[in-house]
């Protein structure tokens, strides 16, 4: 089911980045805590594996309806960020990483895994 992402006015512009724990299952030394700005793209490489990750919207209080993903308010009750992962030019994952439920709908890959660890508010008032 394709759902739209609806960002409530109370949340727009309030968050600028997320902190993702990136685990490299083949090289533990390459594990990192990455600060990724919302809307940005970064690349992960290990041997012959190359992933392009796009960081989508952040919803502090994620809820899902039949037609959309949104946030009930700006409280950090169920924080989630949308991630789109491409491998060899094809989208292999488009879903949500949840801070409180890291295994829920998690990205499955033989080399890399992601976990939403923290969130960076935009301090501009």
PDB file of N, CA and C in Angstrom:
ATOM      1  N   UNK A   1       0.849  -1.185   0.000  1.00  0.00           N
ATOM      2  CA  UNK A   1       0.000   0.000   0.000  1.00  0.00           C
ATOM      3  C   UNK A   1       0.889   1.241   0.000  1.00  0.00           C
ATOM      4  N   UNK A   2       0.662   2.117  -0.947  1.00  0.00           N
ATOM      5  CA  UNK A   2       1.419   3.369  -1.038  1.00  0.00           C
ATOM      6  C   UNK A   2       0.711   4.429  -0.203  1.00  0.00           C
ATOM      7  N   UNK A   3       1.446   5.021   0.735  1.00  0.00           N
ATOM      8  CA  UNK A   3       0.878   6.075   1.575  1.00  0.00           C
ATOM      9  C   UNK A   3       1.686   7.353   1.395  1.00  0.00           C
ATOM     10  N   UNK A   4       1.015   8.485   1.517  1.00  0.00           N
ATOM     11  CA  UNK A   4       1.693   9.774   1.480  1.00  0.00           C
ATOM     12  C   UNK A   4       2.284  10.073   2.852  1.00  0.00           C
ATOM     13  N   UNK A   5       3.277  10.954   2.876  1.00  0.00           N
ATOM     14  CA  UNK A   5       3.818  11.450   4.136  1.00  0.00           C
ATOM     15  C   UNK A   5       3.256  12.848   4.331  1.00  0.00           C
ATOM     16  N   UNK A   6       2.531  13.039   5.434  1.00  0.00           N
ATOM     17  CA  UNK A   6       1.926  14.336   5.736  1.00  0.00           C
ATOM     18  C   UNK A   6       2.657  14.942   6.934  1.00  0.00           C
ATOM     19  N   UNK A   7       3.394  16.014   6.689  1.00  0.00           N
ATOM     20  CA  UNK A   7       4.128  16.689   7.762  1.00  0.00           C
ATOM     21  C   UNK A   7       3.245  17.806   8.316  1.00  0.00           C
ATOM     22  N   UNK A   8       2.795  17.691   9.568  1.00  0.00           N
ATOM     23  CA  UNK A   8       1.959  18.751  10.145  1.00  0.00           C
ATOM     24  C   UNK A   8       2.718  20.080  10.244  1.00  0.00           C
ATOM     25  N   UNK A   9       1.987  21.165  10.145  1.00  0.00           N
ATOM     26  CA  UNK A   9       2.591  22.505  10.229  1.00  0.00           C
ATOM     27  C   UNK A   9       3.398  22.681  11.512  1.00  0.00           C
ATOM     28  N   UNK A  10       2.929  22.088  12.617  1.00  0.00           N
ATOM     29  CA  UNK A  10       3.601  22.238  13.914  1.00  0.00           C
ATOM     30  C   UNK A  10       4.986  21.591  13.933  1.00  0.00           C
ATOM     31  N   UNK A  11       5.280  20.768  12.932  1.00  0.00           N
ATOM     32  CA  UNK A  11       6.554  20.046  12.902  1.00  0.00           C
ATOM     33  C   UNK A  11       7.490  20.579  11.826  1.00  0.00           C
ATOM     34  N   UNK A  12       6.921  21.168  10.768  1.00  0.00           N
ATOM     35  CA  UNK A  12       7.744  21.648   9.648  1.00  0.00           C
ATOM     36  C   UNK A  12       8.840  22.585  10.142  1.00  0.00           C
ATOM     37  N   UNK A  13      10.072  22.301   9.729  1.00  0.00           N
ATOM     38  CA  UNK A  13      11.197  23.155  10.084  1.00  0.00           C
ATOM     39  C   UNK A  13      11.727  22.981  11.492  1.00  0.00           C
ATOM     40  N   UNK A  14      11.166  22.074  12.280  1.00  0.00           N
ATOM     41  CA  UNK A  14      11.596  21.901  13.672  1.00  0.00           C
ATOM     42  C   UNK A  14      12.772  20.939  13.820  1.00  0.00           C
ATOM     43  N   UNK A  15      12.952  20.054  12.835  1.00  0.00           N
ATOM     44  CA  UNK A  15      13.997  19.031  12.913  1.00  0.00           C
ATOM     45  C   UNK A  15      14.902  19.140  11.697  1.00  0.00           C
ATOM     46  N   UNK A  16      16.226  19.017  11.921  1.00  0.00           N
ATOM     47  CA  UNK A  16      17.123  19.174  10.778  1.00  0.00           C
ATOM     48  C   UNK A  16      17.949  17.935  10.463  1.00  0.00           C
ATOM     49  N   UNK A  17      18.105  17.023  11.423  1.00  0.00           N
ATOM     50  CA  UNK A  17      18.953  15.856  11.171  1.00  0.00           C
ATOM     51  C   UNK A  17      18.604  14.724  12.128  1.00  0.00           C
ATOM     52  N   UNK A  18      19.132  13.550  11.809  1.00  0.00           N
ATOM     53  CA  UNK A  18      19.008  12.391  12.695  1.00  0.00           C
ATOM     54  C   UNK A  18      20.397  11.789  12.890  1.00  0.00           C
ATOM     55  N   UNK A  19      20.546  11.040  13.972  1.00  0.00           N
ATOM     56  CA  UNK A  19      21.782  10.292  14.213  1.00  0.00           C
ATOM     57  C   UNK A  19      21.465   8.819  14.002  1.00  0.00           C
ATOM     58  N   UNK A  20      22.166   8.211  13.052  1.00  0.00           N
ATOM     59  CA  UNK A  20      21.958   6.807  12.714  1.00  0.00           C
ATOM     60  C   UNK A  20      23.170   5.985  13.131  1.00  0.00           C
ATOM     61  N   UNK A  21      22.903   4.886  13.836  1.00  0.00           N
ATOM     62  CA  UNK A  21      23.970   3.915  14.099  1.00  0.00           C
ATOM     63  C   UNK A  21      24.056   3.035  12.868  1.00  0.00           C
ATOM     64  N   UNK A  22      25.199   3.065  12.204  1.00  0.00           N
ATOM     65  CA  UNK A  22      25.399   2.250  11.006  1.00  0.00           C
ATOM     66  C   UNK A  22      26.316   1.098  11.388  1.00  0.00           C
ATOM     67  N   UNK A  23      25.786  -0.098  11.246  1.00  0.00           N
ATOM     68  CA  UNK A  23      26.541  -1.297  11.605  1.00  0.00           C
ATOM     69  C   UNK A  23      27.000  -2.001  10.340  1.00  0.00           C
ATOM     70  N   UNK A  24      28.295  -2.269  10.292  1.00  0.00           N
ATOM     71  CA  UNK A  24      28.877  -3.028   9.193  1.00  0.00           C
ATOM     72  C   UNK A  24      29.110  -4.447   9.713  1.00  0.00           C
ATOM     73  N   UNK A  25      28.316  -5.395   9.234  1.00  0.00           N
ATOM     74  CA  UNK A  25      28.365  -6.762   9.752  1.00  0.00           C
ATOM     75  C   UNK A  25      29.645  -7.494   9.362  1.00  0.00           C
ATOM     76  N   UNK A  26      30.360  -7.005   8.351  1.00  0.00           N
ATOM     77  CA  UNK A  26      31.586  -7.665   7.895  1.00  0.00           C
ATOM     78  C   UNK A  26      32.847  -6.990   8.414  1.00  0.00           C
ATOM     79  N   UNK A  27      32.701  -5.782   8.964  1.00  0.00           N
ATOM     80  CA  UNK A  27      33.863  -5.042   9.445  1.00  0.00           C
ATOM     81  C   UNK A  27      33.425  -4.155  10.608  1.00  0.00           C
ATOM     82  N   UNK A  28      33.470  -4.721  11.820  1.00  0.00           N
ATOM     83  CA  UNK A  28      32.995  -3.999  13.008  1.00  0.00           C
ATOM     84  C   UNK A  28      33.712  -2.659  13.202  1.00  0.00           C
ATOM     85  N   UNK A  29      34.965  -2.561  12.758  1.00  0.00           N
ATOM     86  CA  UNK A  29      35.719  -1.310  12.911  1.00  0.00           C
ATOM     87  C   UNK A  29      35.120  -0.183  12.077  1.00  0.00           C
ATOM     88  N   UNK A  30      34.327  -0.539  11.085  1.00  0.00           N
ATOM     89  CA  UNK A  30      33.718   0.472  10.217  1.00  0.00           C
ATOM     90  C   UNK A  30      32.370   0.957  10.746  1.00  0.00           C
ATOM     91  N   UNK A  31      31.919   0.413  11.879  1.00  0.00           N
ATOM     92  CA  UNK A  31      30.665   0.896  12.469  1.00  0.00           C
ATOM     93  C   UNK A  31      30.801   2.382  12.779  1.00  0.00           C
ATOM     94  N   UNK A  32      29.708   3.114  12.622  1.00  0.00           N
ATOM     95  CA  UNK A  32      29.782   4.548  12.901  1.00  0.00           C
ATOM     96  C   UNK A  32      28.436   5.098  13.331  1.00  0.00           C
ATOM     97  N   UNK A  33      28.496   6.194  14.087  1.00  0.00           N
ATOM     98  CA  UNK A  33      27.309   6.965  14.412  1.00  0.00           C
ATOM     99  C   UNK A  33      27.333   8.156  13.464  1.00  0.00           C
ATOM    100  N   UNK A  34      26.391   8.193  12.544  1.00  0.00           N
ATOM    101  CA  UNK A  34      26.396   9.201  11.480  1.00  0.00           C
ATOM    102  C   UNK A  34      25.288  10.217  11.720  1.00  0.00           C
ATOM    103  N   UNK A  35      25.641  11.484  11.656  1.00  0.00           N
ATOM    104  CA  UNK A  35      24.631  12.548  11.678  1.00  0.00           C
ATOM    105  C   UNK A  35      24.278  12.839  10.230  1.00  0.00           C
ATOM    106  N   UNK A  36      23.015  12.629   9.895  1.00  0.00           N
ATOM    107  CA  UNK A  36      22.566  12.808   8.511  1.00  0.00           C
ATOM    108  C   UNK A  36      21.448  13.841   8.476  1.00  0.00           C
ATOM    109  N   UNK A  37      21.654  14.881   7.692  1.00  0.00           N
ATOM    110  CA  UNK A  37      20.621  15.912   7.553  1.00  0.00           C
ATOM    111  C   UNK A  37      19.422  15.352   6.812  1.00  0.00           C
ATOM    112  N   UNK A  38      18.238  15.791   7.203  1.00  0.00           N
ATOM    113  CA  UNK A  38      17.022  15.369   6.512  1.00  0.00           C
ATOM    114  C   UNK A  38      17.106  15.825   5.062  1.00  0.00           C
ATOM    115  N   UNK A  39      16.787  14.932   4.143  1.00  0.00           N
ATOM    116  CA  UNK A  39      16.858  15.243   2.721  1.00  0.00           C
ATOM    117  C   UNK A  39      18.207  14.948   2.094  1.00  0.00           C
ATOM    118  N   UNK A  40      19.192  14.573   2.907  1.00  0.00           N
ATOM    119  CA  UNK A  40      20.532  14.311   2.374  1.00  0.00           C
ATOM    120  C   UNK A  40      20.672  12.862   1.915  1.00  0.00           C
ATOM    121  N   UNK A  41      21.739  12.617   1.165  1.00  0.00           N
ATOM    122  CA  UNK A  41      22.058  11.278   0.675  1.00  0.00           C
ATOM    123  C   UNK A  41      23.509  10.981   1.020  1.00  0.00           C
ATOM    124  N   UNK A  42      23.774   9.748   1.447  1.00  0.00           N
ATOM    125  CA  UNK A  42      25.155   9.334   1.693  1.00  0.00           C
ATOM    126  C   UNK A  42      25.363   7.929   1.140  1.00  0.00           C
ATOM    127  N   UNK A  43      26.635   7.565   0.971  1.00  0.00           N
ATOM    128  CA  UNK A  43      26.985   6.271   0.383  1.00  0.00           C
ATOM    129  C   UNK A  43      27.732   5.428   1.405  1.00  0.00           C
ATOM    130  N   UNK A  44      27.423   4.146   1.421  1.00  0.00           N
ATOM    131  CA  UNK A  44      28.136   3.177   2.251  1.00  0.00           C
ATOM    132  C   UNK A  44      28.789   2.158   1.336  1.00  0.00           C
ATOM    133  N   UNK A  45      30.052   1.843   1.599  1.00  0.00           N
ATOM    134  CA  UNK A  45      30.756   0.866   0.762  1.00  0.00           C
ATOM    135  C   UNK A  45      31.505  -0.127   1.630  1.00  0.00           C
ATOM    136  N   UNK A  46      31.465  -1.380   1.223  1.00  0.00           N
ATOM    137  CA  UNK A  46      32.248  -2.448   1.849  1.00  0.00           C
ATOM    138  C   UNK A  46      32.482  -3.508   0.790  1.00  0.00           C
ATOM    139  N   UNK A  47      33.745  -3.694   0.414  1.00  0.00           N
ATOM    140  CA  UNK A  47      34.115  -4.648  -0.646  1.00  0.00           C
ATOM    141  C   UNK A  47      33.309  -4.339  -1.906  1.00  0.00           C
ATOM    142  N   UNK A  48      32.527  -5.294  -2.398  1.00  0.00           N
ATOM    143  CA  UNK A  48      31.763  -5.073  -3.637  1.00  0.00           C
ATOM    144  C   UNK A  48      30.348  -4.574  -3.380  1.00  0.00           C
ATOM    145  N   UNK A  49      30.051  -4.197  -2.147  1.00  0.00           N
ATOM    146  CA  UNK A  49      28.726  -3.684  -1.802  1.00  0.00           C
ATOM    147  C   UNK A  49      28.768  -2.163  -1.736  1.00  0.00           C
ATOM    148  N   UNK A  50      27.827  -1.525  -2.418  1.00  0.00           N
ATOM    149  CA  UNK A  50      27.724  -0.067  -2.378  1.00  0.00           C
ATOM    150  C   UNK A  50      26.247   0.289  -2.251  1.00  0.00           C
ATOM    151  N   UNK A  51      25.915   1.005  -1.192  1.00  0.00           N
ATOM    152  CA  UNK A  51      24.538   1.432  -0.960  1.00  0.00           C
ATOM    153  C   UNK A  51      24.461   2.952  -0.971  1.00  0.00           C
ATOM    154  N   UNK A  52      23.389   3.468  -1.558  1.00  0.00           N
ATOM    155  CA  UNK A  52      23.094   4.901  -1.519  1.00  0.00           C
ATOM    156  C   UNK A  52      21.876   5.060  -0.616  1.00  0.00           C
ATOM    157  N   UNK A  53      22.021   5.844   0.445  1.00  0.00           N
ATOM    158  CA  UNK A  53      20.959   6.007   1.437  1.00  0.00           C
ATOM    159  C   UNK A  53      20.466   7.449   1.414  1.00  0.00           C
ATOM    160  N   UNK A  54      19.161   7.621   1.227  1.00  0.00           N
ATOM    161  CA  UNK A  54      18.548   8.943   1.271  1.00  0.00           C
ATOM    162  C   UNK A  54      17.720   9.045   2.543  1.00  0.00           C
ATOM    163  N   UNK A  55      17.979  10.110   3.304  1.00  0.00           N
ATOM    164  CA  UNK A  55      17.297  10.333   4.574  1.00  0.00           C
ATOM    165  C   UNK A  55      16.071  11.191   4.308  1.00  0.00           C
ATOM    166  N   UNK A  56      14.910  10.623   4.557  1.00  0.00           N
ATOM    167  CA  UNK A  56      13.659  11.317   4.259  1.00  0.00           C
ATOM    168  C   UNK A  56      13.133  12.089   5.448  1.00  0.00           C
ATOM    169  N   UNK A  57      11.844  12.262   5.516  1.00  0.00           N
ATOM    170  CA  UNK A  57      11.241  13.026   6.604  1.00  0.00           C
ATOM    171  C   UNK A  57      11.415  12.348   7.962  1.00  0.00           C
ATOM    172  N   UNK A  58      11.436  13.179   9.006  1.00  0.00           N
ATOM    173  CA  UNK A  58      11.468  12.705  10.389  1.00  0.00           C
ATOM    174  C   UNK A  58      10.126  13.034  11.027  1.00  0.00           C
ATOM    175  N   UNK A  59       9.530  12.042  11.683  1.00  0.00           N
ATOM    176  CA  UNK A  59       8.254  12.233  12.374  1.00  0.00           C
ATOM    177  C   UNK A  59       8.456  11.911  13.854  1.00  0.00           C
ATOM    178  N   UNK A  60       8.350  12.909  14.745  1.00  0.00           N
ATOM    179  CA  UNK A  60       8.621  12.676  16.169  1.00  0.00           C
ATOM    180  C   UNK A  60       7.606  11.752  16.845  1.00  0.00           C
ATOM    181  N   UNK A  61       6.370  11.773  16.386  1.00  0.00           N
ATOM    182  CA  UNK A  61       5.336  10.925  16.987  1.00  0.00           C
ATOM    183  C   UNK A  61       4.589  10.215  15.858  1.00  0.00           C
ATOM    184  N   UNK A  62       5.288   9.280  15.222  1.00  0.00           N
ATOM    185  CA  UNK A  62       4.825   8.556  14.031  1.00  0.00           C
ATOM    186  C   UNK A  62       3.481   7.875  14.264  1.00  0.00           C
ATOM    187  N   UNK A  63       2.571   8.095  13.326  1.00  0.00           N
ATOM    188  CA  UNK A  63       1.314   7.343  13.256  1.00  0.00           C
ATOM    189  C   UNK A  63       1.042   7.035  11.789  1.00  0.00           C
ATOM    190  N   UNK A  64       0.336   5.936  11.573  1.00  0.00           N
ATOM    191  CA  UNK A  64       0.019   5.499  10.218  1.00  0.00           C
ATOM    192  C   UNK A  64      -1.488   5.347  10.105  1.00  0.00           C
ATOM    193  N   UNK A  65      -2.038   5.899   9.023  1.00  0.00           N
ATOM    194  CA  UNK A  65      -3.459   5.700   8.735  1.00  0.00           C
ATOM    195  C   UNK A  65      -3.559   4.892   7.446  1.00  0.00           C
ATOM    196  N   UNK A  66      -4.758   4.706   6.955  1.00  0.00           N
ATOM    197  CA  UNK A  66      -4.934   3.966   5.702  1.00  0.00           C
ATOM    198  C   UNK A  66      -4.330   4.703   4.516  1.00  0.00           C
ATOM    199  N   UNK A  67      -4.201   6.029   4.620  1.00  0.00           N
ATOM    200  CA  UNK A  67      -3.744   6.816   3.476  1.00  0.00           C
ATOM    201  C   UNK A  67      -2.415   7.536   3.674  1.00  0.00           C
ATOM    202  N   UNK A  68      -1.958   7.693   4.928  1.00  0.00           N
ATOM    203  CA  UNK A  68      -0.748   8.496   5.119  1.00  0.00           C
ATOM    204  C   UNK A  68       0.049   8.107   6.358  1.00  0.00           C
ATOM    205  N   UNK A  69       1.305   8.589   6.361  1.00  0.00           N
ATOM    206  CA  UNK A  69       2.163   8.565   7.538  1.00  0.00           C
ATOM    207  C   UNK A  69       2.220  10.005   8.023  1.00  0.00           C
ATOM    208  N   UNK A  70       2.099  10.212   9.327  1.00  0.00           N
ATOM    209  CA  UNK A  70       2.165  11.565   9.853  1.00  0.00           C
ATOM    210  C   UNK A  70       2.643  11.511  11.303  1.00  0.00           C
ATOM    211  N   UNK A  71       2.613  12.648  11.972  1.00  0.00           N
ATOM    212  CA  UNK A  71       3.000  12.732  13.371  1.00  0.00           C
ATOM    213  C   UNK A  71       1.852  13.372  14.136  1.00  0.00           C
ATOM    214  N   UNK A  72       1.474  12.758  15.261  1.00  0.00           N
ATOM    215  CA  UNK A  72       0.354  13.297  16.037  1.00  0.00           C
ATOM    216  C   UNK A  72       0.669  14.676  16.590  1.00  0.00           C
ATOM    217  N   UNK A  73       1.963  14.887  16.943  1.00  0.00           N
ATOM    218  CA  UNK A  73       2.400  16.170  17.492  1.00  0.00           C
ATOM    219  C   UNK A  73       3.925  16.208  17.421  1.00  0.00           C
ATOM    220  N   UNK A  74       4.535  17.170  18.083  1.00  0.00           N
ATOM    221  CA  UNK A  74       5.987  17.315  18.032  1.00  0.00           C
ATOM    222  C   UNK A  74       6.680  16.666  19.233  1.00  0.00           C
ATOM    223  N   UNK A  75       5.959  15.836  19.985  1.00  0.00           N
ATOM    224  CA  UNK A  75       6.545  15.141  21.126  1.00  0.00           C
ATOM    225  C   UNK A  75       7.215  13.854  20.660  1.00  0.00           C
ATOM    226  N   UNK A  76       8.335  13.510  21.276  1.00  0.00           N
ATOM    227  CA  UNK A  76       9.126  12.345  20.858  1.00  0.00           C
ATOM    228  C   UNK A  76       8.579  11.045  21.458  1.00  0.00           C
ATOM    229  N   UNK A  77       7.317  10.742  21.147  1.00  0.00           N
ATOM    230  CA  UNK A  77       6.684   9.529  21.671  1.00  0.00           C
ATOM    231  C   UNK A  77       6.957   8.300  20.815  1.00  0.00           C
ATOM    232  N   UNK A  78       7.083   8.472  19.505  1.00  0.00           N
ATOM    233  CA  UNK A  78       7.351   7.355  18.590  1.00  0.00           C
ATOM    234  C   UNK A  78       8.170   7.873  17.407  1.00  0.00           C
ATOM    235  N   UNK A  79       9.428   8.298  17.670  1.00  0.00           N
ATOM    236  CA  UNK A  79      10.233   8.909  16.614  1.00  0.00           C
ATOM    237  C   UNK A  79      10.613   7.924  15.515  1.00  0.00           C
ATOM    238  N   UNK A  80      10.506   8.398  14.274  1.00  0.00           N
ATOM    239  CA  UNK A  80      10.840   7.568  13.113  1.00  0.00           C
ATOM    240  C   UNK A  80      11.353   8.452  11.984  1.00  0.00           C
ATOM    241  N   UNK A  81      12.253   7.885  11.184  1.00  0.00           N
ATOM    242  CA  UNK A  81      12.755   8.582  10.000  1.00  0.00           C
ATOM    243  C   UNK A  81      12.589   7.656   8.804  1.00  0.00           C
ATOM    244  N   UNK A  82      12.216   8.237   7.675  1.00  0.00           N
ATOM    245  CA  UNK A  82      12.079   7.445   6.456  1.00  0.00           C
ATOM    246  C   UNK A  82      13.443   7.327   5.775  1.00  0.00           C
ATOM    247  N   UNK A  83      13.795   6.104   5.383  1.00  0.00           N
ATOM    248  CA  UNK A  83      15.045   5.853   4.676  1.00  0.00           C
ATOM    249  C   UNK A  83      14.742   5.180   3.348  1.00  0.00           C
ATOM    250  N   UNK A  84      15.433   5.628   2.298  1.00  0.00           N
ATOM    251  CA  UNK A  84      15.364   4.967   0.996  1.00  0.00           C
ATOM    252  C   UNK A  84      16.769   4.477   0.683  1.00  0.00           C
ATOM    253  N   UNK A  85      16.888   3.175   0.412  1.00  0.00           N
ATOM    254  CA  UNK A  85      18.193   2.569   0.164  1.00  0.00           C
ATOM    255  C   UNK A  85      18.217   2.018  -1.254  1.00  0.00           C
ATOM    256  N   UNK A  86      19.257   2.410  -1.998  1.00  0.00           N
ATOM    257  CA  UNK A  86      19.433   1.921  -3.368  1.00  0.00           C
ATOM    258  C   UNK A  86      20.713   1.099  -3.450  1.00  0.00           C
ATOM    259  N   UNK A  87      20.637   0.012  -4.205  1.00  0.00           N
ATOM    260  CA  UNK A  87      21.808  -0.818  -4.478  1.00  0.00           C
ATOM    261  C   UNK A  87      21.807  -1.131  -5.961  1.00  0.00           C
ATOM    262  N   UNK A  88      22.922  -0.840  -6.624  1.00  0.00           N
ATOM    263  CA  UNK A  88      23.048  -1.043  -8.074  1.00  0.00           C
ATOM    264  C   UNK A  88      21.926  -0.338  -8.838  1.00  0.00           C
ATOM    265  N   UNK A  89      21.584   0.879  -8.394  1.00  0.00           N
ATOM    266  CA  UNK A  89      20.601   1.690  -9.101  1.00  0.00           C
ATOM    267  C   UNK A  89      19.151   1.321  -8.863  1.00  0.00           C
ATOM    268  N   UNK A  90      18.899   0.327  -8.017  1.00  0.00           N
ATOM    269  CA  UNK A  90      17.522  -0.087  -7.745  1.00  0.00           C
ATOM    270  C   UNK A  90      17.189   0.158  -6.280  1.00  0.00           C
ATOM    271  N   UNK A  91      15.970   0.625  -6.022  1.00  0.00           N
ATOM    272  CA  UNK A  91      15.526   0.809  -4.640  1.00  0.00           C
ATOM    273  C   UNK A  91      15.294  -0.573  -4.026  1.00  0.00           C
ATOM    274  N   UNK A  92      16.051  -0.880  -2.969  1.00  0.00           N
ATOM    275  CA  UNK A  92      15.912  -2.168  -2.294  1.00  0.00           C
ATOM    276  C   UNK A  92      15.158  -2.040  -0.972  1.00  0.00           C
ATOM    277  N   UNK A  93      14.968  -0.797  -0.518  1.00  0.00           N
ATOM    278  CA  UNK A  93      14.234  -0.573   0.728  1.00  0.00           C
ATOM    279  C   UNK A  93      13.730   0.856   0.752  1.00  0.00           C
ATOM    280  N   UNK A  94      12.473   1.012   1.083  1.00  0.00           N
ATOM    281  CA  UNK A  94      11.921   2.336   1.381  1.00  0.00           C
ATOM    282  C   UNK A  94      10.994   2.121   2.562  1.00  0.00           C
ATOM    283  N   UNK A  95      11.456   2.574   3.710  1.00  0.00           N
ATOM    284  CA  UNK A  95      10.683   2.320   4.918  1.00  0.00           C
ATOM    285  C   UNK A  95      11.106   3.246   6.039  1.00  0.00           C
ATOM    286  N   UNK A  96      10.728   2.866   7.241  1.00  0.00           N
ATOM    287  CA  UNK A  96      10.926   3.715   8.406  1.00  0.00           C
ATOM    288  C   UNK A  96      11.842   3.041   9.411  1.00  0.00           C
ATOM    289  N   UNK A  97      12.741   3.822   9.993  1.00  0.00           N
ATOM    290  CA  UNK A  97      13.574   3.368  11.107  1.00  0.00           C
ATOM    291  C   UNK A  97      12.991   3.996  12.370  1.00  0.00           C
ATOM    292  N   UNK A  98      12.658   3.146  13.330  1.00  0.00           N
ATOM    293  CA  UNK A  98      12.029   3.591  14.574  1.00  0.00           C
ATOM    294  C   UNK A  98      13.039   3.561  15.715  1.00  0.00           C
ATOM    295  N   UNK A  99      13.108   4.642  16.488  1.00  0.00           N
ATOM    296  CA  UNK A  99      14.056   4.712  17.600  1.00  0.00           C
ATOM    297  C   UNK A  99      13.698   3.720  18.703  1.00  0.00           C
ATOM    298  N   UNK A 100      12.424   3.617  19.037  1.00  0.00           N
ATOM    299  CA  UNK A 100      12.009   2.773  20.161  1.00  0.00           C
ATOM    300  C   UNK A 100      11.779   1.320  19.765  1.00  0.00           C
ATOM    301  N   UNK A 101      11.616   1.061  18.482  1.00  0.00           N
ATOM    302  CA  UNK A 101      11.359  -0.299  17.989  1.00  0.00           C
ATOM    303  C   UNK A 101      12.294  -0.581  16.808  1.00  0.00           C
ATOM    304  N   UNK A 102      13.599  -0.750  17.080  1.00  0.00           N
ATOM    305  CA  UNK A 102      14.576  -0.837  15.983  1.00  0.00           C
ATOM    306  C   UNK A 102      14.377  -2.017  15.031  1.00  0.00           C
ATOM    307  N   UNK A 103      13.719  -3.072  15.472  1.00  0.00           N
ATOM    308  CA  UNK A 103      13.540  -4.228  14.582  1.00  0.00           C
ATOM    309  C   UNK A 103      12.249  -4.155  13.771  1.00  0.00           C
ATOM    310  N   UNK A 104      11.376  -3.212  14.086  1.00  0.00           N
ATOM    311  CA  UNK A 104      10.101  -3.078  13.386  1.00  0.00           C
ATOM    312  C   UNK A 104      10.338  -2.597  11.955  1.00  0.00           C
ATOM    313  N   UNK A 105       9.966  -3.400  10.976  1.00  0.00           N
ATOM    314  CA  UNK A 105      10.131  -3.071   9.556  1.00  0.00           C
ATOM    315  C   UNK A 105      11.572  -2.688   9.216  1.00  0.00           C
ATOM    316  N   UNK A 106      12.525  -3.275   9.922  1.00  0.00           N
ATOM    317  CA  UNK A 106      13.930  -2.885   9.762  1.00  0.00           C
ATOM    318  C   UNK A 106      14.462  -3.248   8.379  1.00  0.00           C
ATOM    319  N   UNK A 107      15.454  -2.481   7.949  1.00  0.00           N
ATOM    320  CA  UNK A 107      16.169  -2.740   6.703  1.00  0.00           C
ATOM    321  C   UNK A 107      16.976  -4.025   6.874  1.00  0.00           C
ATOM    322  N   UNK A 108      16.755  -4.986   5.983  1.00  0.00           N
ATOM    323  CA  UNK A 108      17.468  -6.270   6.035  1.00  0.00           C
ATOM    324  C   UNK A 108      18.534  -6.289   4.941  1.00  0.00           C
ATOM    325  N   UNK A 109      19.786  -6.501   5.339  1.00  0.00           N
ATOM    326  CA  UNK A 109      20.874  -6.541   4.364  1.00  0.00           C
ATOM    327  C   UNK A 109      21.986  -7.422   4.914  1.00  0.00           C
ATOM    328  N   UNK A 110      22.747  -8.062   4.037  1.00  0.00           N
ATOM    329  CA  UNK A 110      23.799  -8.967   4.500  1.00  0.00           C
ATOM    330  C   UNK A 110      25.042  -8.247   5.027  1.00  0.00           C
ATOM    331  N   UNK A 111      25.186  -6.952   4.722  1.00  0.00           N
ATOM    332  CA  UNK A 111      26.367  -6.215   5.184  1.00  0.00           C
ATOM    333  C   UNK A 111      26.007  -5.107   6.170  1.00  0.00           C
ATOM    334  N   UNK A 112      25.000  -4.297   5.852  1.00  0.00           N
ATOM    335  CA  UNK A 112      24.717  -3.105   6.648  1.00  0.00           C
ATOM    336  C   UNK A 112      23.376  -3.176   7.372  1.00  0.00           C
ATOM    337  N   UNK A 113      23.340  -2.541   8.545  1.00  0.00           N
ATOM    338  CA  UNK A 113      22.069  -2.312   9.229  1.00  0.00           C
ATOM    339  C   UNK A 113      22.091  -0.896   9.794  1.00  0.00           C
ATOM    340  N   UNK A 114      20.898  -0.356  10.035  1.00  0.00           N
ATOM    341  CA  UNK A 114      20.757   1.011  10.537  1.00  0.00           C
ATOM    342  C   UNK A 114      19.883   0.994  11.780  1.00  0.00           C
ATOM    343  N   UNK A 115      20.180   1.903  12.694  1.00  0.00           N
ATOM    344  CA  UNK A 115      19.295   2.107  13.833  1.00  0.00           C
ATOM    345  C   UNK A 115      19.212   3.600  14.111  1.00  0.00           C
ATOM    346  N   UNK A 116      17.995   4.099  14.267  1.00  0.00           N
ATOM    347  CA  UNK A 116      17.779   5.505  14.607  1.00  0.00           C
ATOM    348  C   UNK A 116      18.114   5.688  16.082  1.00  0.00           C
ATOM    349  N   UNK A 117      19.112   6.516  16.369  1.00  0.00           N
ATOM    350  CA  UNK A 117      19.592   6.693  17.738  1.00  0.00           C
ATOM    351  C   UNK A 117      19.155   8.015  18.369  1.00  0.00           C
ATOM    352  N   UNK A 118      19.161   9.082  17.575  1.00  0.00           N
ATOM    353  CA  UNK A 118      18.900  10.400  18.144  1.00  0.00           C
ATOM    354  C   UNK A 118      18.434  11.336  17.034  1.00  0.00           C
ATOM    355  N   UNK A 119      18.063  12.538  17.416  1.00  0.00           N
ATOM    356  CA  UNK A 119      17.432  13.489  16.503  1.00  0.00           C
ATOM    357  C   UNK A 119      18.008  14.863  16.805  1.00  0.00           C
ATOM    358  N   UNK A 120      18.156  15.673  15.768  1.00  0.00           N
ATOM    359  CA  UNK A 120      18.745  16.994  15.932  1.00  0.00           C
ATOM    360  C   UNK A 120      17.686  18.035  15.589  1.00  0.00           C
ATOM    361  N   UNK A 121      17.321  18.826  16.595  1.00  0.00           N
ATOM    362  CA  UNK A 121      16.324  19.874  16.381  1.00  0.00           C
ATOM    363  C   UNK A 121      16.959  21.045  15.649  1.00  0.00           C
ATOM    364  N   UNK A 122      16.145  21.756  14.888  1.00  0.00           N
ATOM    365  CA  UNK A 122      16.602  22.977  14.236  1.00  0.00           C
ATOM    366  C   UNK A 122      16.417  24.099  15.245  1.00  0.00           C
ATOM    367  N   UNK A 123      17.503  24.728  15.640  1.00  0.00           N
ATOM    368  CA  UNK A 123      17.444  25.741  16.694  1.00  0.00           C
ATOM    369  C   UNK A 123      16.956  27.097  16.221  1.00  0.00           C
ATOM    370  N   UNK A 124      16.667  27.210  14.938  1.00  0.00           N
ATOM    371  CA  UNK A 124      16.161  28.482  14.419  1.00  0.00           C
ATOM    372  C   UNK A 124      14.724  28.647  14.886  1.00  0.00           C
ATOM    373  N   UNK A 125      14.426  29.761  15.530  1.00  0.00           N
ATOM    374  CA  UNK A 125      13.062  29.949  16.041  1.00  0.00           C
ATOM    375  C   UNK A 125      12.269  30.889  15.168  1.00  0.00           C
TER     376      UNK A 125
END
